[in-house]
Amino acid sequence: MSRFDQAKMLMKVKKIQKELQKEVIEVEKGDGAVRVEITGEQKIKKIHIDPDYVDLEDIGQLERWVEDAVKEAIAESQRIAQEKMQPMMGMLGELGL
């Protein structure tokens, strides 16, 4: 692979990384009680909890909703990143990355 091809490849990877920074995944749990927003880089942007759904007698349920929403958001973020990077993986191997 020529240096030019390597440079093009790295530019494409950087472009995908920027796209992932802008990508926002939103996951809801508990019929909208908990909403998590996370970027394609797996950085949490926001966690919203609707107070109408909060039962002070069952905080454990709220904790489960938050945990499940975060886990699902991270998994979806990873899936999107993998999908966008898949075409590049073979070529990155040739670069030794």
PDB file of N, CA and C in Angstrom:
ATOM      1  N   MET A   1       0.846  -1.168   0.000  1.00  0.00           N
ATOM      2  CA  MET A   1       0.000   0.000   0.000  1.00  0.00           C
ATOM      3  C   MET A   1       0.900   1.242   0.000  1.00  0.00           C
ATOM      4  N   SER A   2       0.639   2.149  -0.912  1.00  0.00           N
ATOM      5  CA  SER A   2       1.476   3.351  -1.031  1.00  0.00           C
ATOM      6  C   SER A   2       1.200   4.323   0.114  1.00  0.00           C
ATOM      7  N   ARG A   3       2.111   5.239   0.292  1.00  0.00           N
ATOM      8  CA  ARG A   3       1.928   6.263   1.337  1.00  0.00           C
ATOM      9  C   ARG A   3       0.667   7.083   1.070  1.00  0.00           C
ATOM     10  N   PHE A   4       0.392   7.338  -0.203  1.00  0.00           N
ATOM     11  CA  PHE A   4      -0.805   8.094  -0.571  1.00  0.00           C
ATOM     12  C   PHE A   4      -2.057   7.338  -0.127  1.00  0.00           C
ATOM     13  N   ASP A   5      -2.074   6.025  -0.403  1.00  0.00           N
ATOM     14  CA  ASP A   5      -3.217   5.202   0.009  1.00  0.00           C
ATOM     15  C   ASP A   5      -3.353   5.179   1.531  1.00  0.00           C
ATOM     16  N   GLN A   6      -2.221   5.122   2.211  1.00  0.00           N
ATOM     17  CA  GLN A   6      -2.246   5.128   3.671  1.00  0.00           C
ATOM     18  C   GLN A   6      -2.824   6.449   4.188  1.00  0.00           C
ATOM     19  N   ALA A   7      -2.409   7.541   3.591  1.00  0.00           N
ATOM     20  CA  ALA A   7      -2.902   8.854   4.012  1.00  0.00           C
ATOM     21  C   ALA A   7      -4.405   8.971   3.763  1.00  0.00           C
ATOM     22  N   LYS A   8      -4.858   8.472   2.608  1.00  0.00           N
ATOM     23  CA  LYS A   8      -6.292   8.496   2.310  1.00  0.00           C
ATOM     24  C   LYS A   8      -7.064   7.672   3.334  1.00  0.00           C
ATOM     25  N   MET A   9      -6.526   6.523   3.667  1.00  0.00           N
ATOM     26  CA  MET A   9      -7.163   5.635   4.626  1.00  0.00           C
ATOM     27  C   MET A   9      -7.293   6.311   5.983  1.00  0.00           C
ATOM     28  N   LEU A  10      -6.216   6.922   6.443  1.00  0.00           N
ATOM     29  CA  LEU A  10      -6.247   7.588   7.745  1.00  0.00           C
ATOM     30  C   LEU A  10      -7.214   8.763   7.741  1.00  0.00           C
ATOM     31  N   MET A  11      -7.323   9.459   6.630  1.00  0.00           N
ATOM     32  CA  MET A  11      -8.288  10.559   6.519  1.00  0.00           C
ATOM     33  C   MET A  11      -9.715  10.025   6.623  1.00  0.00           C
ATOM     34  N   LYS A  12      -9.967   8.873   5.996  1.00  0.00           N
ATOM     35  CA  LYS A  12     -11.304   8.265   6.081  1.00  0.00           C
ATOM     36  C   LYS A  12     -11.622   7.854   7.516  1.00  0.00           C
ATOM     37  N   VAL A  13     -10.646   7.301   8.198  1.00  0.00           N
ATOM     38  CA  VAL A  13     -10.846   6.880   9.591  1.00  0.00           C
ATOM     39  C   VAL A  13     -11.162   8.095  10.451  1.00  0.00           C
ATOM     40  N   LYS A  14     -10.420   9.174  10.270  1.00  0.00           N
ATOM     41  CA  LYS A  14     -10.660  10.392  11.046  1.00  0.00           C
ATOM     42  C   LYS A  14     -12.047  10.963  10.747  1.00  0.00           C
ATOM     43  N   LYS A  15     -12.477  10.860   9.496  1.00  0.00           N
ATOM     44  CA  LYS A  15     -13.812  11.338   9.121  1.00  0.00           C
ATOM     45  C   LYS A  15     -14.880  10.517   9.847  1.00  0.00           C
ATOM     46  N   ILE A  16     -14.697   9.206   9.882  1.00  0.00           N
ATOM     47  CA  ILE A  16     -15.646   8.339  10.577  1.00  0.00           C
ATOM     48  C   ILE A  16     -15.669   8.668  12.069  1.00  0.00           C
ATOM     49  N   GLN A  17     -14.515   8.913  12.646  1.00  0.00           N
ATOM     50  CA  GLN A  17     -14.447   9.270  14.067  1.00  0.00           C
ATOM     51  C   GLN A  17     -15.224  10.555  14.342  1.00  0.00           C
ATOM     52  N   LYS A  18     -15.117  11.540  13.457  1.00  0.00           N
ATOM     53  CA  LYS A  18     -15.862  12.790  13.623  1.00  0.00           C
ATOM     54  C   LYS A  18     -17.363  12.538  13.500  1.00  0.00           C
ATOM     55  N   GLU A  19     -17.747  11.661  12.574  1.00  0.00           N
ATOM     56  CA  GLU A  19     -19.163  11.316  12.433  1.00  0.00           C
ATOM     57  C   GLU A  19     -19.687  10.682  13.716  1.00  0.00           C
ATOM     58  N   LEU A  20     -18.870   9.807  14.310  1.00  0.00           N
ATOM     59  CA  LEU A  20     -19.279   9.144  15.545  1.00  0.00           C
ATOM     60  C   LEU A  20     -19.409  10.143  16.696  1.00  0.00           C
ATOM     61  N   GLN A  21     -18.582  11.178  16.699  1.00  0.00           N
ATOM     62  CA  GLN A  21     -18.687  12.214  17.727  1.00  0.00           C
ATOM     63  C   GLN A  21     -20.043  12.911  17.666  1.00  0.00           C
ATOM     64  N   LYS A  22     -20.545  13.094  16.448  1.00  0.00           N
ATOM     65  CA  LYS A  22     -21.805  13.811  16.243  1.00  0.00           C
ATOM     66  C   LYS A  22     -23.033  12.909  16.384  1.00  0.00           C
ATOM     67  N   GLU A  23     -22.838  11.613  16.244  1.00  0.00           N
ATOM     68  CA  GLU A  23     -23.943  10.642  16.336  1.00  0.00           C
ATOM     69  C   GLU A  23     -24.478  10.603  17.767  1.00  0.00           C
ATOM     70  N   VAL A  24     -25.791  10.701  17.920  1.00  0.00           N
ATOM     71  CA  VAL A  24     -26.397  10.609  19.247  1.00  0.00           C
ATOM     72  C   VAL A  24     -27.424   9.480  19.231  1.00  0.00           C
ATOM     73  N   ILE A  25     -27.259   8.561  20.165  1.00  0.00           N
ATOM     74  CA  ILE A  25     -28.167   7.425  20.314  1.00  0.00           C
ATOM     75  C   ILE A  25     -29.012   7.698  21.548  1.00  0.00           C
ATOM     76  N   GLU A  26     -30.305   7.478  21.420  1.00  0.00           N
ATOM     77  CA  GLU A  26     -31.211   7.698  22.543  1.00  0.00           C
ATOM     78  C   GLU A  26     -31.924   6.389  22.866  1.00  0.00           C
ATOM     79  N   VAL A  27     -31.919   6.029  24.149  1.00  0.00           N
ATOM     80  CA  VAL A  27     -32.563   4.799  24.605  1.00  0.00           C
ATOM     81  C   VAL A  27     -33.505   5.146  25.753  1.00  0.00           C
ATOM     82  N   GLU A  28     -34.712   4.576  25.713  1.00  0.00           N
ATOM     83  CA  GLU A  28     -35.691   4.774  26.784  1.00  0.00           C
ATOM     84  C   GLU A  28     -35.973   3.455  27.475  1.00  0.00           C
ATOM     85  N   LYS A  29     -36.206   3.539  28.770  1.00  0.00           N
ATOM     86  CA  LYS A  29     -36.609   2.367  29.559  1.00  0.00           C
ATOM     87  C   LYS A  29     -37.749   2.778  30.477  1.00  0.00           C
ATOM     88  N   GLY A  30     -38.516   1.793  30.913  1.00  0.00           N
ATOM     89  CA  GLY A  30     -39.621   2.057  31.832  1.00  0.00           C
ATOM     90  C   GLY A  30     -40.702   2.919  31.212  1.00  0.00           C
ATOM     91  N   ASP A  31     -41.041   2.633  29.957  1.00  0.00           N
ATOM     92  CA  ASP A  31     -42.064   3.410  29.237  1.00  0.00           C
ATOM     93  C   ASP A  31     -41.787   4.906  29.255  1.00  0.00           C
ATOM     94  N   GLY A  32     -40.512   5.273  29.127  1.00  0.00           N
ATOM     95  CA  GLY A  32     -40.133   6.675  29.083  1.00  0.00           C
ATOM     96  C   GLY A  32     -39.703   7.244  30.425  1.00  0.00           C
ATOM     97  N   ALA A  33     -39.677   6.422  31.455  1.00  0.00           N
ATOM     98  CA  ALA A  33     -39.257   6.901  32.778  1.00  0.00           C
ATOM     99  C   ALA A  33     -37.804   7.353  32.752  1.00  0.00           C
ATOM    100  N   VAL A  34     -36.979   6.630  32.000  1.00  0.00           N
ATOM    101  CA  VAL A  34     -35.550   6.940  31.910  1.00  0.00           C
ATOM    102  C   VAL A  34     -35.177   7.045  30.433  1.00  0.00           C
ATOM    103  N   ARG A  35     -34.464   8.122  30.122  1.00  0.00           N
ATOM    104  CA  ARG A  35     -33.978   8.299  28.749  1.00  0.00           C
ATOM    105  C   ARG A  35     -32.492   8.623  28.821  1.00  0.00           C
ATOM    106  N   VAL A  36     -31.688   7.886  28.070  1.00  0.00           N
ATOM    107  CA  VAL A  36     -30.241   8.087  28.032  1.00  0.00           C
ATOM    108  C   VAL A  36     -29.845   8.494  26.623  1.00  0.00           C
ATOM    109  N   GLU A  37     -29.019   9.534  26.538  1.00  0.00           N
ATOM    110  CA  GLU A  37     -28.447   9.956  25.264  1.00  0.00           C
ATOM    111  C   GLU A  37     -26.942   9.745  25.357  1.00  0.00           C
ATOM    112  N   ILE A  38     -26.392   9.084  24.328  1.00  0.00           N
ATOM    113  CA  ILE A  38     -24.961   8.768  24.300  1.00  0.00           C
ATOM    114  C   ILE A  38     -24.451   9.018  22.887  1.00  0.00           C
ATOM    115  N   THR A  39     -23.200   9.428  22.774  1.00  0.00           N
ATOM    116  CA  THR A  39     -22.624   9.669  21.449  1.00  0.00           C
ATOM    117  C   THR A  39     -22.083   8.363  20.863  1.00  0.00           C
ATOM    118  N   GLY A  40     -21.736   8.425  19.601  1.00  0.00           N
ATOM    119  CA  GLY A  40     -21.115   7.284  18.942  1.00  0.00           C
ATOM    120  C   GLY A  40     -19.748   6.959  19.512  1.00  0.00           C
ATOM    121  N   GLU A  41     -19.199   7.870  20.301  1.00  0.00           N
ATOM    122  CA  GLU A  41     -17.924   7.629  20.983  1.00  0.00           C
ATOM    123  C   GLU A  41     -18.150   7.052  22.379  1.00  0.00           C
ATOM    124  N   GLN A  42     -19.387   6.739  22.689  1.00  0.00           N
ATOM    125  CA  GLN A  42     -19.778   6.142  23.968  1.00  0.00           C
ATOM    126  C   GLN A  42     -19.599   7.110  25.132  1.00  0.00           C
ATOM    127  N   LYS A  43     -19.843   8.377  24.874  1.00  0.00           N
ATOM    128  CA  LYS A  43     -19.832   9.384  25.934  1.00  0.00           C
ATOM    129  C   LYS A  43     -21.276   9.750  26.240  1.00  0.00           C
ATOM    130  N   ILE A  44     -21.645   9.626  27.496  1.00  0.00           N
ATOM    131  CA  ILE A  44     -23.015   9.936  27.877  1.00  0.00           C
ATOM    132  C   ILE A  44     -23.209  11.449  27.811  1.00  0.00           C
ATOM    133  N   LYS A  45     -24.234  11.860  27.065  1.00  0.00           N
ATOM    134  CA  LYS A  45     -24.556  13.277  26.943  1.00  0.00           C
ATOM    135  C   LYS A  45     -25.575  13.683  27.997  1.00  0.00           C
ATOM    136  N   LYS A  46     -26.558  12.799  28.238  1.00  0.00           N
ATOM    137  CA  LYS A  46     -27.645  13.183  29.135  1.00  0.00           C
ATOM    138  C   LYS A  46     -28.363  11.937  29.649  1.00  0.00           C
ATOM    139  N   ILE A  47     -28.773  12.017  30.896  1.00  0.00           N
ATOM    140  CA  ILE A  47     -29.682  11.022  31.465  1.00  0.00           C
ATOM    141  C   ILE A  47     -30.868  11.798  32.000  1.00  0.00           C
ATOM    142  N   HIS A  48     -32.039  11.493  31.481  1.00  0.00           N
ATOM    143  CA  HIS A  48     -33.262  12.169  31.910  1.00  0.00           C
ATOM    144  C   HIS A  48     -34.124  11.169  32.671  1.00  0.00           C
ATOM    145  N   ILE A  49     -34.612  11.598  33.830  1.00  0.00           N
ATOM    146  CA  ILE A  49     -35.520  10.770  34.623  1.00  0.00           C
ATOM    147  C   ILE A  49     -36.810  11.554  34.789  1.00  0.00           C
ATOM    148  N   ASP A  50     -37.905  10.963  34.352  1.00  0.00           N
ATOM    149  CA  ASP A  50     -39.212  11.592  34.476  1.00  0.00           C
ATOM    150  C   ASP A  50     -39.711  11.392  35.909  1.00  0.00           C
ATOM    151  N   PRO A  51     -39.853  12.475  36.675  1.00  0.00           N
ATOM    152  CA  PRO A  51     -40.240  12.335  38.083  1.00  0.00           C
ATOM    153  C   PRO A  51     -41.618  11.707  38.283  1.00  0.00           C
ATOM    154  N   ASP A  52     -42.458  11.765  37.254  1.00  0.00           N
ATOM    155  CA  ASP A  52     -43.785  11.146  37.375  1.00  0.00           C
ATOM    156  C   ASP A  52     -43.701   9.634  37.531  1.00  0.00           C
ATOM    157  N   TYR A  53     -42.581   9.045  37.092  1.00  0.00           N
ATOM    158  CA  TYR A  53     -42.419   7.597  37.152  1.00  0.00           C
ATOM    159  C   TYR A  53     -41.635   7.132  38.378  1.00  0.00           C
ATOM    160  N   VAL A  54     -41.099   8.068  39.131  1.00  0.00           N
ATOM    161  CA  VAL A  54     -40.267   7.702  40.270  1.00  0.00           C
ATOM    162  C   VAL A  54     -41.136   7.293  41.452  1.00  0.00           C
ATOM    163  N   ASP A  55     -40.928   6.075  41.906  1.00  0.00           N
ATOM    164  CA  ASP A  55     -41.612   5.553  43.085  1.00  0.00           C
ATOM    165  C   ASP A  55     -40.572   5.467  44.198  1.00  0.00           C
ATOM    166  N   LEU A  56     -40.685   6.346  45.153  1.00  0.00           N
ATOM    167  CA  LEU A  56     -39.693   6.390  46.231  1.00  0.00           C
ATOM    168  C   LEU A  56     -39.666   5.098  47.040  1.00  0.00           C
ATOM    169  N   GLU A  57     -40.718   4.316  46.938  1.00  0.00           N
ATOM    170  CA  GLU A  57     -40.774   3.031  47.640  1.00  0.00           C
ATOM    171  C   GLU A  57     -40.016   1.945  46.873  1.00  0.00           C
ATOM    172  N   ASP A  58     -39.691   2.228  45.595  1.00  0.00           N
ATOM    173  CA  ASP A  58     -39.021   1.221  44.765  1.00  0.00           C
ATOM    174  C   ASP A  58     -37.901   1.871  43.943  1.00  0.00           C
ATOM    175  N   ILE A  59     -36.928   2.435  44.620  1.00  0.00           N
ATOM    176  CA  ILE A  59     -35.779   3.059  43.945  1.00  0.00           C
ATOM    177  C   ILE A  59     -35.008   2.010  43.148  1.00  0.00           C
ATOM    178  N   GLY A  60     -35.049   0.765  43.583  1.00  0.00           N
ATOM    179  CA  GLY A  60     -34.360  -0.310  42.870  1.00  0.00           C
ATOM    180  C   GLY A  60     -34.830  -0.425  41.429  1.00  0.00           C
ATOM    181  N   GLN A  61     -36.125  -0.229  41.190  1.00  0.00           N
ATOM    182  CA  GLN A  61     -36.659  -0.287  39.823  1.00  0.00           C
ATOM    183  C   GLN A  61     -36.055   0.826  38.975  1.00  0.00           C
ATOM    184  N   LEU A  62     -35.991   2.024  39.528  1.00  0.00           N
ATOM    185  CA  LEU A  62     -35.393   3.153  38.818  1.00  0.00           C
ATOM    186  C   LEU A  62     -33.927   2.874  38.501  1.00  0.00           C
ATOM    187  N   GLU A  63     -33.208   2.324  39.460  1.00  0.00           N
ATOM    188  CA  GLU A  63     -31.800   1.980  39.232  1.00  0.00           C
ATOM    189  C   GLU A  63     -31.660   0.964  38.114  1.00  0.00           C
ATOM    190  N   ARG A  64     -32.535  -0.024  38.064  1.00  0.00           N
ATOM    191  CA  ARG A  64     -32.483  -1.040  36.990  1.00  0.00           C
ATOM    192  C   ARG A  64     -32.752  -0.394  35.634  1.00  0.00           C
ATOM    193  N   TRP A  65     -33.742   0.512  35.578  1.00  0.00           N
ATOM    194  CA  TRP A  65     -34.039   1.193  34.311  1.00  0.00           C
ATOM    195  C   TRP A  65     -32.833   1.991  33.828  1.00  0.00           C
ATOM    196  N   VAL A  66     -32.193   2.717  34.747  1.00  0.00           N
ATOM    197  CA  VAL A  66     -31.015   3.516  34.372  1.00  0.00           C
ATOM    198  C   VAL A  66     -29.898   2.603  33.886  1.00  0.00           C
ATOM    199  N   GLU A  67     -29.638   1.552  34.652  1.00  0.00           N
ATOM    200  CA  GLU A  67     -28.577   0.612  34.270  1.00  0.00           C
ATOM    201  C   GLU A  67     -28.865  -0.024  32.914  1.00  0.00           C
ATOM    202  N   ASP A  68     -30.095  -0.490  32.710  1.00  0.00           N
ATOM    203  CA  ASP A  68     -30.459  -1.122  31.436  1.00  0.00           C
ATOM    204  C   ASP A  68     -30.359  -0.144  30.275  1.00  0.00           C
ATOM    205  N   ALA A  69     -30.793   1.095  30.488  1.00  0.00           N
ATOM    206  CA  ALA A  69     -30.735   2.096  29.418  1.00  0.00           C
ATOM    207  C   ALA A  69     -29.290   2.413  29.045  1.00  0.00           C
ATOM    208  N   VAL A  70     -28.420   2.550  30.041  1.00  0.00           N
ATOM    209  CA  VAL A  70     -27.010   2.835  29.769  1.00  0.00           C
ATOM    210  C   VAL A  70     -26.366   1.666  29.033  1.00  0.00           C
ATOM    211  N   LYS A  71     -26.618   0.445  29.495  1.00  0.00           N
ATOM    212  CA  LYS A  71     -26.038  -0.729  28.829  1.00  0.00           C
ATOM    213  C   LYS A  71     -26.501  -0.830  27.382  1.00  0.00           C
ATOM    214  N   GLU A  72     -27.799  -0.614  27.150  1.00  0.00           N
ATOM    215  CA  GLU A  72     -28.327  -0.708  25.786  1.00  0.00           C
ATOM    216  C   GLU A  72     -27.763   0.410  24.904  1.00  0.00           C
ATOM    217  N   ALA A  73     -27.634   1.608  25.451  1.00  0.00           N
ATOM    218  CA  ALA A  73     -27.091   2.722  24.683  1.00  0.00           C
ATOM    219  C   ALA A  73     -25.636   2.460  24.292  1.00  0.00           C
ATOM    220  N   ILE A  74     -24.850   1.930  25.223  1.00  0.00           N
ATOM    221  CA  ILE A  74     -23.450   1.608  24.925  1.00  0.00           C
ATOM    222  C   ILE A  74     -23.377   0.529  23.852  1.00  0.00           C
ATOM    223  N   ALA A  75     -24.199  -0.507  23.981  1.00  0.00           N
ATOM    224  CA  ALA A  75     -24.198  -1.592  22.988  1.00  0.00           C
ATOM    225  C   ALA A  75     -24.575  -1.062  21.608  1.00  0.00           C
ATOM    226  N   GLU A  76     -25.578  -0.189  21.546  1.00  0.00           N
ATOM    227  CA  GLU A  76     -26.002   0.378  20.262  1.00  0.00           C
ATOM    228  C   GLU A  76     -24.902   1.269  19.688  1.00  0.00           C
ATOM    229  N   SER A  77     -24.245   2.033  20.539  1.00  0.00           N
ATOM    230  CA  SER A  77     -23.138   2.877  20.109  1.00  0.00           C
ATOM    231  C   SER A  77     -22.008   2.025  19.529  1.00  0.00           C
ATOM    232  N   GLN A  78     -21.693   0.928  20.198  1.00  0.00           N
ATOM    233  CA  GLN A  78     -20.638   0.025  19.714  1.00  0.00           C
ATOM    234  C   GLN A  78     -21.028  -0.599  18.377  1.00  0.00           C
ATOM    235  N   ARG A  79     -22.301  -0.955  18.230  1.00  0.00           N
ATOM    236  CA  ARG A  79     -22.774  -1.556  16.981  1.00  0.00           C
ATOM    237  C   ARG A  79     -22.632  -0.560  15.827  1.00  0.00           C
ATOM    238  N   ILE A  80     -23.023   0.679  16.068  1.00  0.00           N
ATOM    239  CA  ILE A  80     -22.936   1.702  15.026  1.00  0.00           C
ATOM    240  C   ILE A  80     -21.480   1.963  14.652  1.00  0.00           C
ATOM    241  N   ALA A  81     -20.606   2.066  15.652  1.00  0.00           N
ATOM    242  CA  ALA A  81     -19.184   2.303  15.382  1.00  0.00           C
ATOM    243  C   ALA A  81     -18.598   1.149  14.573  1.00  0.00           C
ATOM    244  N   GLN A  82     -18.934  -0.075  14.955  1.00  0.00           N
ATOM    245  CA  GLN A  82     -18.427  -1.245  14.238  1.00  0.00           C
ATOM    246  C   GLN A  82     -18.929  -1.246  12.795  1.00  0.00           C
ATOM    247  N   GLU A  83     -20.191  -0.907  12.623  1.00  0.00           N
ATOM    248  CA  GLU A  83     -20.785  -0.870  11.287  1.00  0.00           C
ATOM    249  C   GLU A  83     -20.073   0.157  10.403  1.00  0.00           C
ATOM    250  N   LYS A  84     -19.778   1.326  10.958  1.00  0.00           N
ATOM    251  CA  LYS A  84     -19.119   2.370  10.177  1.00  0.00           C
ATOM    252  C   LYS A  84     -17.654   2.038   9.899  1.00  0.00           C
ATOM    253  N   MET A  85     -17.003   1.349  10.831  1.00  0.00           N
ATOM    254  CA  MET A  85     -15.578   1.050  10.687  1.00  0.00           C
ATOM    255  C   MET A  85     -15.313  -0.251   9.917  1.00  0.00           C
ATOM    256  N   GLN A  86     -16.312  -1.100   9.784  1.00  0.00           N
ATOM    257  CA  GLN A  86     -16.123  -2.413   9.165  1.00  0.00           C
ATOM    258  C   GLN A  86     -15.395  -2.356   7.821  1.00  0.00           C
ATOM    259  N   PRO A  87     -15.799  -1.465   6.908  1.00  0.00           N
ATOM    260  CA  PRO A  87     -15.112  -1.441   5.608  1.00  0.00           C
ATOM    261  C   PRO A  87     -13.624  -1.099   5.716  1.00  0.00           C
ATOM    262  N   MET A  88     -13.242  -0.448   6.804  1.00  0.00           N
ATOM    263  CA  MET A  88     -11.868  -0.008   6.958  1.00  0.00           C
ATOM    264  C   MET A  88     -10.975  -1.057   7.643  1.00  0.00           C
ATOM    265  N   MET A  89     -11.546  -2.022   8.311  1.00  0.00           N
ATOM    266  CA  MET A  89     -10.784  -2.928   9.162  1.00  0.00           C
ATOM    267  C   MET A  89      -9.696  -3.698   8.417  1.00  0.00           C
ATOM    268  N   GLY A  90     -10.006  -4.219   7.253  1.00  0.00           N
ATOM    269  CA  GLY A  90      -9.011  -4.950   6.487  1.00  0.00           C
ATOM    270  C   GLY A  90      -7.842  -4.072   6.091  1.00  0.00           C
ATOM    271  N   MET A  91      -8.158  -2.876   5.680  1.00  0.00           N
ATOM    272  CA  MET A  91      -7.114  -1.944   5.229  1.00  0.00           C
ATOM    273  C   MET A  91      -6.265  -1.468   6.423  1.00  0.00           C
ATOM    274  N   LEU A  92      -6.885  -1.287   7.587  1.00  0.00           N
ATOM    275  CA  LEU A  92      -6.123  -0.874   8.765  1.00  0.00           C
ATOM    276  C   LEU A  92      -5.133  -1.951   9.177  1.00  0.00           C
ATOM    277  N   GLY A  93      -5.514  -3.205   8.988  1.00  0.00           N
ATOM    278  CA  GLY A  93      -4.606  -4.311   9.286  1.00  0.00           C
ATOM    279  C   GLY A  93      -3.356  -4.245   8.435  1.00  0.00           C
ATOM    280  N   GLU A  94      -3.535  -3.841   7.191  1.00  0.00           N
ATOM    281  CA  GLU A  94      -2.383  -3.705   6.283  1.00  0.00           C
ATOM    282  C   GLU A  94      -1.446  -2.578   6.734  1.00  0.00           C
ATOM    283  N   LEU A  95      -1.995  -1.591   7.432  1.00  0.00           N
ATOM    284  CA  LEU A  95      -1.179  -0.482   7.930  1.00  0.00           C
ATOM    285  C   LEU A  95      -0.502  -0.829   9.250  1.00  0.00           C
ATOM    286  N   GLY A  96      -0.868  -1.967   9.806  1.00  0.00           N
ATOM    287  CA  GLY A  96      -0.295  -2.369  11.085  1.00  0.00           C
ATOM    288  C   GLY A  96      -0.981  -1.701  12.268  1.00  0.00           C
ATOM    289  N   LEU A  97      -2.245  -1.263  12.084  1.00  0.00           N
ATOM    290  CA  LEU A  97      -2.980  -0.593  13.170  1.00  0.00           C
ATOM    291  C   LEU A  97      -3.984  -1.546  13.807  1.00  0.00           C
TER     292      LEU A  97
END
